[in-house]
């Protein structure tokens, strides 16, 4: 017999997955794809600003800043380091080189996008300090934005031109995804062992963002409050910074590890870096890996967070 909590968890999972499949099912045209890409960019900024506003409402936040910084630092080291170590071992045991000649183009690292995202949170925090309670967003605002975000991601995944069959038939992509997921979750388990105040399901949920900061921030805020939502957000943003800087370095000898550094962003934000440092031959692996991780991340976060 299902309890009300189980039913709520099932509803949450449906609210996340249904828009994704709707996005896949929609007949696409160039106008819709361009519109969805533009809306997705604006939506991410809106969501991050709202997260900043919610963070400003947390009582005694100043006394928790040091703890948040500690959580983010440890979680980032464990999740990024765990995934990287696991895939480096995989590359060593099962060597793989991208077909074709690797690019020697020097990539100019740009963290401008990441800085803008952090700025949105800070702007939201400042707004939240002065916003009257009567002007606060309704309680279900984040849920609505989350559904719209997932819908737009679904449209983007379909527009990428790759089918689910092609993804699942990519043996290297599947192997990389499984090893990455298990290694990062192992980092979450170690995080739980270090901090007594964090439950195992919570640690695993925090680790399951896989670089998808806008999604993890919403889900963790809804499940555990704005403080933990901010931990998830900055943990995934740190992954983005690290990936931009170090993908070219790891691509030389461990291409699977380099692709895995980007996590969910390997399908979009860090894909140009992957292509420029590894050549066109590595792009199918990045798309297959990123596609699978974009499907797995929301499921794991909701499932783990439903256990407390």
C-alpha atoms as a PDB file:
ATOM      1  CA  UNK A   1       0.000   0.000   0.000  1.00  0.00           C
ATOM      2  CA  UNK A   2       1.374   3.386  -1.015  1.00  0.00           C
ATOM      3  CA  UNK A   3       1.656   6.089   1.615  1.00  0.00           C
ATOM      4  CA  UNK A   4       0.870   9.752   0.867  1.00  0.00           C
ATOM      5  CA  UNK A   5       4.637  10.430   0.854  1.00  0.00           C
ATOM      6  CA  UNK A   6       5.204   7.740  -1.780  1.00  0.00           C
ATOM      7  CA  UNK A   7       2.408   9.196  -3.885  1.00  0.00           C
ATOM      8  CA  UNK A   8       3.959  12.680  -3.593  1.00  0.00           C
ATOM      9  CA  UNK A   9       7.324  11.286  -4.689  1.00  0.00           C
ATOM     10  CA  UNK A  10       5.706   9.550  -7.657  1.00  0.00           C
ATOM     11  CA  UNK A  11       3.955  12.774  -8.645  1.00  0.00           C
ATOM     12  CA  UNK A  12       7.238  14.680  -8.433  1.00  0.00           C
ATOM     13  CA  UNK A  13       8.942  12.127 -10.665  1.00  0.00           C
ATOM     14  CA  UNK A  14       6.111  12.346 -13.193  1.00  0.00           C
ATOM     15  CA  UNK A  15       6.264  16.154 -13.129  1.00  0.00           C
ATOM     16  CA  UNK A  16       9.950  15.926 -14.050  1.00  0.00           C
ATOM     17  CA  UNK A  17       9.845  13.128 -16.630  1.00  0.00           C
ATOM     18  CA  UNK A  18       6.544  13.970 -18.389  1.00  0.00           C
ATOM     19  CA  UNK A  19       7.752  17.323 -19.797  1.00  0.00           C
ATOM     20  CA  UNK A  20      10.951  15.619 -20.950  1.00  0.00           C
ATOM     21  CA  UNK A  21       9.036  13.059 -23.017  1.00  0.00           C
ATOM     22  CA  UNK A  22       6.612  15.717 -24.242  1.00  0.00           C
ATOM     23  CA  UNK A  23       9.617  17.654 -25.517  1.00  0.00           C
ATOM     24  CA  UNK A  24      10.722  14.533 -27.381  1.00  0.00           C
ATOM     25  CA  UNK A  25       7.246  14.006 -28.821  1.00  0.00           C
ATOM     26  CA  UNK A  26       6.704  17.532 -30.133  1.00  0.00           C
ATOM     27  CA  UNK A  27       7.128  17.962 -33.899  1.00  0.00           C
ATOM     28  CA  UNK A  28      10.112  20.248 -34.258  1.00  0.00           C
ATOM     29  CA  UNK A  29      10.832  23.056 -36.642  1.00  0.00           C
ATOM     30  CA  UNK A  30      13.628  25.576 -36.758  1.00  0.00           C
ATOM     31  CA  UNK A  31      11.555  28.335 -35.163  1.00  0.00           C
ATOM     32  CA  UNK A  32      10.554  26.186 -32.176  1.00  0.00           C
ATOM     33  CA  UNK A  33      14.121  25.004 -31.611  1.00  0.00           C
ATOM     34  CA  UNK A  34      15.532  28.540 -31.725  1.00  0.00           C
ATOM     35  CA  UNK A  35      12.772  29.798 -29.423  1.00  0.00           C
ATOM     36  CA  UNK A  36      13.369  26.999 -26.913  1.00  0.00           C
ATOM     37  CA  UNK A  37      17.116  27.681 -26.873  1.00  0.00           C
ATOM     38  CA  UNK A  38      16.524  31.375 -26.220  1.00  0.00           C
ATOM     39  CA  UNK A  39      13.915  30.711 -23.539  1.00  0.00           C
ATOM     40  CA  UNK A  40      16.163  28.152 -21.842  1.00  0.00           C
ATOM     41  CA  UNK A  41      18.918  30.721 -21.459  1.00  0.00           C
ATOM     42  CA  UNK A  42      16.563  33.291 -19.925  1.00  0.00           C
ATOM     43  CA  UNK A  43      14.859  30.670 -17.751  1.00  0.00           C
ATOM     44  CA  UNK A  44      18.133  29.585 -16.154  1.00  0.00           C
ATOM     45  CA  UNK A  45      18.856  33.187 -15.143  1.00  0.00           C
ATOM     46  CA  UNK A  46      15.339  33.573 -13.688  1.00  0.00           C
ATOM     47  CA  UNK A  47      15.640  30.339 -11.706  1.00  0.00           C
ATOM     48  CA  UNK A  48      19.041  31.300 -10.287  1.00  0.00           C
ATOM     49  CA  UNK A  49      17.724  34.718  -9.286  1.00  0.00           C
ATOM     50  CA  UNK A  50      14.745  33.128  -7.508  1.00  0.00           C
ATOM     51  CA  UNK A  51      17.103  30.751  -5.700  1.00  0.00           C
ATOM     52  CA  UNK A  52      19.024  33.790  -4.469  1.00  0.00           C
ATOM     53  CA  UNK A  53      15.769  35.350  -3.250  1.00  0.00           C
ATOM     54  CA  UNK A  54      14.853  32.173  -1.342  1.00  0.00           C
ATOM     55  CA  UNK A  55      18.340  31.979   0.123  1.00  0.00           C
ATOM     56  CA  UNK A  56      17.913  35.498   1.504  1.00  0.00           C
ATOM     57  CA  UNK A  57      14.877  34.316   3.489  1.00  0.00           C
ATOM     58  CA  UNK A  58      16.891  31.783   5.490  1.00  0.00           C
ATOM     59  CA  UNK A  59      17.168  32.902   9.100  1.00  0.00           C
ATOM     60  CA  UNK A  60      20.682  33.075  10.474  1.00  0.00           C
ATOM     61  CA  UNK A  61      22.246  32.531   7.067  1.00  0.00           C
ATOM     62  CA  UNK A  62      25.350  34.526   8.006  1.00  0.00           C
ATOM     63  CA  UNK A  63      26.269  31.973  10.624  1.00  0.00           C
ATOM     64  CA  UNK A  64      25.933  29.171   8.044  1.00  0.00           C
ATOM     65  CA  UNK A  65      28.145  30.660   5.309  1.00  0.00           C
ATOM     66  CA  UNK A  66      31.259  28.900   6.607  1.00  0.00           C
ATOM     67  CA  UNK A  67      29.399  25.573   6.747  1.00  0.00           C
ATOM     68  CA  UNK A  68      28.054  26.038   3.205  1.00  0.00           C
ATOM     69  CA  UNK A  69      31.569  26.768   1.925  1.00  0.00           C
ATOM     70  CA  UNK A  70      32.897  23.663   3.696  1.00  0.00           C
ATOM     71  CA  UNK A  71      30.113  21.449   2.318  1.00  0.00           C
ATOM     72  CA  UNK A  72      30.634  22.744  -1.223  1.00  0.00           C
ATOM     73  CA  UNK A  73      34.415  22.285  -1.039  1.00  0.00           C
ATOM     74  CA  UNK A  74      34.282  18.727   0.277  1.00  0.00           C
ATOM     75  CA  UNK A  75      31.390  17.669  -1.984  1.00  0.00           C
ATOM     76  CA  UNK A  76      33.100  19.110  -5.065  1.00  0.00           C
ATOM     77  CA  UNK A  77      36.377  17.347  -4.325  1.00  0.00           C
ATOM     78  CA  UNK A  78      34.604  14.033  -3.744  1.00  0.00           C
ATOM     79  CA  UNK A  79      32.192  14.124  -6.679  1.00  0.00           C
ATOM     80  CA  UNK A  80      34.478  15.668  -9.299  1.00  0.00           C
ATOM     81  CA  UNK A  81      37.492  13.723  -8.058  1.00  0.00           C
ATOM     82  CA  UNK A  82      35.531  10.482  -7.776  1.00  0.00           C
ATOM     83  CA  UNK A  83      34.155  10.651 -11.302  1.00  0.00           C
ATOM     84  CA  UNK A  84      37.522  11.661 -12.705  1.00  0.00           C
ATOM     85  CA  UNK A  85      39.397   8.877 -10.893  1.00  0.00           C
ATOM     86  CA  UNK A  86      36.885   6.224 -11.909  1.00  0.00           C
ATOM     87  CA  UNK A  87      37.028   7.172 -15.595  1.00  0.00           C
ATOM     88  CA  UNK A  88      40.818   7.503 -15.590  1.00  0.00           C
ATOM     89  CA  UNK A  89      41.058   3.916 -14.341  1.00  0.00           C
ATOM     90  CA  UNK A  90      38.531   2.912 -17.018  1.00  0.00           C
ATOM     91  CA  UNK A  91      40.617   4.621 -19.723  1.00  0.00           C
ATOM     92  CA  UNK A  92      43.704   2.841 -18.459  1.00  0.00           C
ATOM     93  CA  UNK A  93      42.060  -0.611 -18.324  1.00  0.00           C
ATOM     94  CA  UNK A  94      40.051  -0.256 -21.550  1.00  0.00           C
ATOM     95  CA  UNK A  95      41.971   2.219 -23.721  1.00  0.00           C
ATOM     96  CA  UNK A  96      40.052   4.198 -26.329  1.00  0.00           C
ATOM     97  CA  UNK A  97      41.084   6.918 -28.737  1.00  0.00           C
ATOM     98  CA  UNK A  98      38.682   9.143 -30.690  1.00  0.00           C
ATOM     99  CA  UNK A  99      38.639   8.205 -34.393  1.00  0.00           C
ATOM    100  CA  UNK A 100      40.395  10.699 -36.622  1.00  0.00           C
ATOM    101  CA  UNK A 101      43.088  13.184 -35.778  1.00  0.00           C
ATOM    102  CA  UNK A 102      42.692  15.050 -32.515  1.00  0.00           C
ATOM    103  CA  UNK A 103      42.401  18.810 -32.743  1.00  0.00           C
ATOM    104  CA  UNK A 104      45.399  20.850 -31.771  1.00  0.00           C
ATOM    105  CA  UNK A 105      43.414  24.064 -31.582  1.00  0.00           C
ATOM    106  CA  UNK A 106      44.191  25.954 -28.408  1.00  0.00           C
ATOM    107  CA  UNK A 107      40.962  26.589 -26.541  1.00  0.00           C
ATOM    108  CA  UNK A 108      40.512  29.979 -24.989  1.00  0.00           C
ATOM    109  CA  UNK A 109      38.852  29.344 -21.661  1.00  0.00           C
ATOM    110  CA  UNK A 110      35.858  31.561 -20.967  1.00  0.00           C
ATOM    111  CA  UNK A 111      34.165  31.445 -17.585  1.00  0.00           C
ATOM    112  CA  UNK A 112      31.989  34.444 -18.384  1.00  0.00           C
ATOM    113  CA  UNK A 113      28.826  32.337 -18.459  1.00  0.00           C
ATOM    114  CA  UNK A 114      29.542  30.798 -15.065  1.00  0.00           C
ATOM    115  CA  UNK A 115      30.270  34.211 -13.561  1.00  0.00           C
ATOM    116  CA  UNK A 116      26.946  35.523 -14.892  1.00  0.00           C
ATOM    117  CA  UNK A 117      25.147  32.583 -13.269  1.00  0.00           C
ATOM    118  CA  UNK A 118      26.778  33.268  -9.897  1.00  0.00           C
ATOM    119  CA  UNK A 119      25.896  36.953 -10.310  1.00  0.00           C
ATOM    120  CA  UNK A 120      22.216  36.039 -10.787  1.00  0.00           C
ATOM    121  CA  UNK A 121      22.205  34.269  -7.425  1.00  0.00           C
ATOM    122  CA  UNK A 122      23.861  37.258  -5.739  1.00  0.00           C
ATOM    123  CA  UNK A 123      21.416  39.690  -7.372  1.00  0.00           C
ATOM    124  CA  UNK A 124      18.520  37.547  -6.210  1.00  0.00           C
ATOM    125  CA  UNK A 125      19.955  37.472  -2.708  1.00  0.00           C
ATOM    126  CA  UNK A 126      20.144  41.278  -2.613  1.00  0.00           C
ATOM    127  CA  UNK A 127      16.594  41.563  -3.922  1.00  0.00           C
ATOM    128  CA  UNK A 128      15.412  39.065  -1.311  1.00  0.00           C
ATOM    129  CA  UNK A 129      16.827  41.232   1.468  1.00  0.00           C
ATOM    130  CA  UNK A 130      14.485  44.083   0.595  1.00  0.00           C
ATOM    131  CA  UNK A 131      11.506  42.330  -1.015  1.00  0.00           C
ATOM    132  CA  UNK A 132       8.319  42.555   1.096  1.00  0.00           C
ATOM    133  CA  UNK A 133       6.785  39.206   2.037  1.00  0.00           C
ATOM    134  CA  UNK A 134       3.671  40.022  -0.010  1.00  0.00           C
ATOM    135  CA  UNK A 135       5.796  40.205  -3.167  1.00  0.00           C
ATOM    136  CA  UNK A 136       7.494  36.829  -2.683  1.00  0.00           C
ATOM    137  CA  UNK A 137       6.907  34.325  -5.536  1.00  0.00           C
ATOM    138  CA  UNK A 138       4.096  31.797  -4.909  1.00  0.00           C
ATOM    139  CA  UNK A 139       5.120  28.490  -3.391  1.00  0.00           C
ATOM    140  CA  UNK A 140       4.610  26.496  -6.602  1.00  0.00           C
ATOM    141  CA  UNK A 141       6.635  28.872  -8.784  1.00  0.00           C
ATOM    142  CA  UNK A 142       9.758  26.710  -8.713  1.00  0.00           C
ATOM    143  CA  UNK A 143       7.779  23.592  -9.663  1.00  0.00           C
ATOM    144  CA  UNK A 144       6.299  25.349 -12.677  1.00  0.00           C
ATOM    145  CA  UNK A 145       9.701  26.653 -13.761  1.00  0.00           C
ATOM    146  CA  UNK A 146      11.209  23.197 -13.270  1.00  0.00           C
ATOM    147  CA  UNK A 147       8.612  21.635 -15.588  1.00  0.00           C
ATOM    148  CA  UNK A 148       9.225  24.312 -18.214  1.00  0.00           C
ATOM    149  CA  UNK A 149      12.989  23.804 -17.884  1.00  0.00           C
ATOM    150  CA  UNK A 150      12.679  20.046 -18.433  1.00  0.00           C
ATOM    151  CA  UNK A 151      10.345  20.586 -21.410  1.00  0.00           C
ATOM    152  CA  UNK A 152      12.865  22.875 -23.089  1.00  0.00           C
ATOM    153  CA  UNK A 153      15.658  20.396 -22.375  1.00  0.00           C
ATOM    154  CA  UNK A 154      13.574  17.650 -23.996  1.00  0.00           C
ATOM    155  CA  UNK A 155      13.137  19.796 -27.102  1.00  0.00           C
ATOM    156  CA  UNK A 156      16.862  20.472 -27.150  1.00  0.00           C
ATOM    157  CA  UNK A 157      17.724  16.781 -26.809  1.00  0.00           C
ATOM    158  CA  UNK A 158      15.476  15.885 -29.735  1.00  0.00           C
ATOM    159  CA  UNK A 159      16.876  18.758 -31.781  1.00  0.00           C
ATOM    160  CA  UNK A 160      20.387  17.364 -31.252  1.00  0.00           C
ATOM    161  CA  UNK A 161      19.492  14.825 -33.923  1.00  0.00           C
ATOM    162  CA  UNK A 162      20.416  11.747 -31.924  1.00  0.00           C
ATOM    163  CA  UNK A 163      17.859   9.072 -31.097  1.00  0.00           C
ATOM    164  CA  UNK A 164      17.589   7.085 -27.883  1.00  0.00           C
ATOM    165  CA  UNK A 165      18.446   3.959 -29.889  1.00  0.00           C
ATOM    166  CA  UNK A 166      21.701   5.507 -31.089  1.00  0.00           C
ATOM    167  CA  UNK A 167      22.578   6.528 -27.535  1.00  0.00           C
ATOM    168  CA  UNK A 168      21.946   3.079 -26.097  1.00  0.00           C
ATOM    169  CA  UNK A 169      23.899   1.419 -28.913  1.00  0.00           C
ATOM    170  CA  UNK A 170      26.985   3.466 -28.077  1.00  0.00           C
ATOM    171  CA  UNK A 171      28.864   0.935 -25.961  1.00  0.00           C
ATOM    172  CA  UNK A 172      31.533   3.414 -24.875  1.00  0.00           C
ATOM    173  CA  UNK A 173      28.897   6.019 -24.014  1.00  0.00           C
ATOM    174  CA  UNK A 174      26.951   3.561 -21.862  1.00  0.00           C
ATOM    175  CA  UNK A 175      30.088   2.308 -20.108  1.00  0.00           C
ATOM    176  CA  UNK A 176      31.309   5.845 -19.434  1.00  0.00           C
ATOM    177  CA  UNK A 177      27.900   6.845 -18.053  1.00  0.00           C
ATOM    178  CA  UNK A 178      27.649   3.865 -15.702  1.00  0.00           C
ATOM    179  CA  UNK A 179      31.193   4.215 -14.347  1.00  0.00           C
ATOM    180  CA  UNK A 180      30.804   7.979 -13.934  1.00  0.00           C
ATOM    181  CA  UNK A 181      27.491   7.602 -12.081  1.00  0.00           C
ATOM    182  CA  UNK A 182      28.770   4.921  -9.704  1.00  0.00           C
ATOM    183  CA  UNK A 183      32.020   6.783  -9.001  1.00  0.00           C
ATOM    184  CA  UNK A 184      30.262  10.079  -8.267  1.00  0.00           C
ATOM    185  CA  UNK A 185      27.717   8.355  -6.015  1.00  0.00           C
ATOM    186  CA  UNK A 186      30.623   6.767  -4.156  1.00  0.00           C
ATOM    187  CA  UNK A 187      31.812  10.312  -3.515  1.00  0.00           C
ATOM    188  CA  UNK A 188      28.364  11.024  -2.095  1.00  0.00           C
ATOM    189  CA  UNK A 189      28.675   8.070   0.272  1.00  0.00           C
ATOM    190  CA  UNK A 190      32.042   9.357   1.531  1.00  0.00           C
ATOM    191  CA  UNK A 191      30.438  12.785   2.047  1.00  0.00           C
ATOM    192  CA  UNK A 192      27.826  11.101   4.249  1.00  0.00           C
ATOM    193  CA  UNK A 193      30.548   9.353   6.260  1.00  0.00           C
ATOM    194  CA  UNK A 194      32.306  12.681   6.884  1.00  0.00           C
ATOM    195  CA  UNK A 195      29.291  14.730   7.995  1.00  0.00           C
ATOM    196  CA  UNK A 196      27.058  13.220  10.685  1.00  0.00           C
ATOM    197  CA  UNK A 197      24.321  15.804  10.123  1.00  0.00           C
ATOM    198  CA  UNK A 198      23.720  14.603   6.560  1.00  0.00           C
ATOM    199  CA  UNK A 199      21.714  11.461   5.807  1.00  0.00           C
ATOM    200  CA  UNK A 200      22.842   8.917   3.216  1.00  0.00           C
ATOM    201  CA  UNK A 201      19.909   9.595   0.841  1.00  0.00           C
ATOM    202  CA  UNK A 202      20.565  13.342   1.119  1.00  0.00           C
ATOM    203  CA  UNK A 203      24.258  12.878   0.313  1.00  0.00           C
ATOM    204  CA  UNK A 204      23.426  10.738  -2.707  1.00  0.00           C
ATOM    205  CA  UNK A 205      20.820  13.255  -3.869  1.00  0.00           C
ATOM    206  CA  UNK A 206      23.337  16.105  -3.598  1.00  0.00           C
ATOM    207  CA  UNK A 207      25.892  14.105  -5.561  1.00  0.00           C
ATOM    208  CA  UNK A 208      23.376  13.283  -8.305  1.00  0.00           C
ATOM    209  CA  UNK A 209      23.281  16.775  -9.802  1.00  0.00           C
ATOM    210  CA  UNK A 210      26.111  15.750 -12.147  1.00  0.00           C
ATOM    211  CA  UNK A 211      26.700  19.375 -13.145  1.00  0.00           C
ATOM    212  CA  UNK A 212      23.050  20.251 -13.882  1.00  0.00           C
ATOM    213  CA  UNK A 213      23.043  23.185 -11.450  1.00  0.00           C
ATOM    214  CA  UNK A 214      19.644  24.704 -12.312  1.00  0.00           C
ATOM    215  CA  UNK A 215      17.851  21.394 -11.784  1.00  0.00           C
ATOM    216  CA  UNK A 216      19.773  20.274  -8.695  1.00  0.00           C
ATOM    217  CA  UNK A 217      19.308  23.647  -7.028  1.00  0.00           C
ATOM    218  CA  UNK A 218      15.526  23.475  -7.424  1.00  0.00           C
ATOM    219  CA  UNK A 219      15.142  19.839  -6.367  1.00  0.00           C
ATOM    220  CA  UNK A 220      17.460  20.180  -3.358  1.00  0.00           C
ATOM    221  CA  UNK A 221      15.829  23.445  -2.269  1.00  0.00           C
ATOM    222  CA  UNK A 222      12.390  21.806  -2.374  1.00  0.00           C
ATOM    223  CA  UNK A 223      13.644  18.729  -0.529  1.00  0.00           C
ATOM    224  CA  UNK A 224      16.056  20.155   2.043  1.00  0.00           C
ATOM    225  CA  UNK A 225      15.733  23.943   2.050  1.00  0.00           C
ATOM    226  CA  UNK A 226      17.561  26.877   0.487  1.00  0.00           C
ATOM    227  CA  UNK A 227      20.869  26.210   2.265  1.00  0.00           C
ATOM    228  CA  UNK A 228      21.261  22.750   0.762  1.00  0.00           C
ATOM    229  CA  UNK A 229      19.888  24.017  -2.532  1.00  0.00           C
ATOM    230  CA  UNK A 230      22.760  26.512  -2.591  1.00  0.00           C
ATOM    231  CA  UNK A 231      25.241  23.731  -1.757  1.00  0.00           C
ATOM    232  CA  UNK A 232      23.974  21.727  -4.744  1.00  0.00           C
ATOM    233  CA  UNK A 233      24.058  24.797  -6.972  1.00  0.00           C
ATOM    234  CA  UNK A 234      27.632  25.799  -6.197  1.00  0.00           C
ATOM    235  CA  UNK A 235      28.857  22.202  -6.228  1.00  0.00           C
ATOM    236  CA  UNK A 236      27.641  21.845  -9.816  1.00  0.00           C
ATOM    237  CA  UNK A 237      28.937  25.269 -10.810  1.00  0.00           C
ATOM    238  CA  UNK A 238      32.379  24.275  -9.502  1.00  0.00           C
ATOM    239  CA  UNK A 239      32.214  21.250 -11.821  1.00  0.00           C
ATOM    240  CA  UNK A 240      31.508  23.598 -14.728  1.00  0.00           C
ATOM    241  CA  UNK A 241      34.506  25.812 -13.876  1.00  0.00           C
ATOM    242  CA  UNK A 242      36.770  22.795 -13.449  1.00  0.00           C
ATOM    243  CA  UNK A 243      35.607  21.194 -16.712  1.00  0.00           C
ATOM    244  CA  UNK A 244      36.240  24.355 -18.727  1.00  0.00           C
ATOM    245  CA  UNK A 245      39.769  24.585 -17.389  1.00  0.00           C
ATOM    246  CA  UNK A 246      40.881  20.942 -17.428  1.00  0.00           C
ATOM    247  CA  UNK A 247      39.053  19.089 -20.229  1.00  0.00           C
ATOM    248  CA  UNK A 248      41.867  19.904 -22.724  1.00  0.00           C
ATOM    249  CA  UNK A 249      44.494  18.641 -20.267  1.00  0.00           C
ATOM    250  CA  UNK A 250      42.829  15.264 -19.602  1.00  0.00           C
ATOM    251  CA  UNK A 251      41.760  14.769 -23.233  1.00  0.00           C
ATOM    252  CA  UNK A 252      45.343  13.928 -24.260  1.00  0.00           C
ATOM    253  CA  UNK A 253      45.582  10.591 -22.454  1.00  0.00           C
ATOM    254  CA  UNK A 254      42.153   9.926 -20.894  1.00  0.00           C
ATOM    255  CA  UNK A 255      39.393  11.028 -23.306  1.00  0.00           C
ATOM    256  CA  UNK A 256      36.577   9.303 -21.418  1.00  0.00           C
ATOM    257  CA  UNK A 257      37.610  11.065 -18.201  1.00  0.00           C
ATOM    258  CA  UNK A 258      37.768  14.384 -20.068  1.00  0.00           C
ATOM    259  CA  UNK A 259      34.235  13.921 -21.391  1.00  0.00           C
ATOM    260  CA  UNK A 260      33.015  12.869 -17.933  1.00  0.00           C
ATOM    261  CA  UNK A 261      34.366  16.038 -16.344  1.00  0.00           C
ATOM    262  CA  UNK A 262      31.521  18.021 -17.878  1.00  0.00           C
ATOM    263  CA  UNK A 263      28.833  15.729 -16.482  1.00  0.00           C
ATOM    264  CA  UNK A 264      25.421  16.754 -17.779  1.00  0.00           C
ATOM    265  CA  UNK A 265      26.943  19.777 -19.539  1.00  0.00           C
ATOM    266  CA  UNK A 266      28.906  17.516 -21.911  1.00  0.00           C
ATOM    267  CA  UNK A 267      25.854  17.645 -24.160  1.00  0.00           C
ATOM    268  CA  UNK A 268      25.785  21.422 -24.430  1.00  0.00           C
ATOM    269  CA  UNK A 269      27.872  23.938 -22.443  1.00  0.00           C
ATOM    270  CA  UNK A 270      31.197  22.076 -22.419  1.00  0.00           C
ATOM    271  CA  UNK A 271      30.688  20.312 -25.776  1.00  0.00           C
ATOM    272  CA  UNK A 272      32.631  22.977 -27.740  1.00  0.00           C
ATOM    273  CA  UNK A 273      35.604  22.525 -25.400  1.00  0.00           C
ATOM    274  CA  UNK A 274      35.404  18.761 -25.834  1.00  0.00           C
ATOM    275  CA  UNK A 275      35.263  19.081 -29.622  1.00  0.00           C
ATOM    276  CA  UNK A 276      38.107  21.579 -29.838  1.00  0.00           C
ATOM    277  CA  UNK A 277      40.420  19.580 -27.596  1.00  0.00           C
ATOM    278  CA  UNK A 278      39.533  16.074 -28.792  1.00  0.00           C
ATOM    279  CA  UNK A 279      38.408  16.543 -32.383  1.00  0.00           C
ATOM    280  CA  UNK A 280      35.160  15.533 -34.063  1.00  0.00           C
ATOM    281  CA  UNK A 281      35.768  11.872 -33.245  1.00  0.00           C
ATOM    282  CA  UNK A 282      35.038  12.395 -29.552  1.00  0.00           C
ATOM    283  CA  UNK A 283      31.752  14.268 -30.100  1.00  0.00           C
ATOM    284  CA  UNK A 284      29.546  11.122 -30.437  1.00  0.00           C
ATOM    285  CA  UNK A 285      30.865   9.883 -27.081  1.00  0.00           C
ATOM    286  CA  UNK A 286      30.161  13.267 -25.475  1.00  0.00           C
ATOM    287  CA  UNK A 287      26.625  13.370 -26.883  1.00  0.00           C
ATOM    288  CA  UNK A 288      25.833   9.792 -25.842  1.00  0.00           C
ATOM    289  CA  UNK A 289      27.274  10.298 -22.346  1.00  0.00           C
ATOM    290  CA  UNK A 290      25.647  13.705 -21.854  1.00  0.00           C
ATOM    291  CA  UNK A 291      22.297  12.441 -23.125  1.00  0.00           C
ATOM    292  CA  UNK A 292      22.228   9.531 -20.668  1.00  0.00           C
ATOM    293  CA  UNK A 293      23.356  11.672 -17.721  1.00  0.00           C
ATOM    294  CA  UNK A 294      20.644  14.253 -18.520  1.00  0.00           C
ATOM    295  CA  UNK A 295      18.068  11.467 -18.189  1.00  0.00           C
ATOM    296  CA  UNK A 296      19.593   9.816 -15.112  1.00  0.00           C
ATOM    297  CA  UNK A 297      20.257  12.960 -13.030  1.00  0.00           C
ATOM    298  CA  UNK A 298      16.641  14.065 -12.377  1.00  0.00           C
ATOM    299  CA  UNK A 299      15.516  10.505 -11.662  1.00  0.00           C
ATOM    300  CA  UNK A 300      18.263   9.861  -9.103  1.00  0.00           C
ATOM    301  CA  UNK A 301      17.811  13.230  -7.387  1.00  0.00           C
ATOM    302  CA  UNK A 302      14.075  12.717  -6.911  1.00  0.00           C
ATOM    303  CA  UNK A 303      14.400   9.075  -5.870  1.00  0.00           C
ATOM    304  CA  UNK A 304      17.164   9.703  -3.321  1.00  0.00           C
ATOM    305  CA  UNK A 305      15.589  12.864  -1.900  1.00  0.00           C
ATOM    306  CA  UNK A 306      12.306  11.000  -1.388  1.00  0.00           C
ATOM    307  CA  UNK A 307      13.980   8.819   1.257  1.00  0.00           C
ATOM    308  CA  UNK A 308      14.883  11.737   3.510  1.00  0.00           C
END
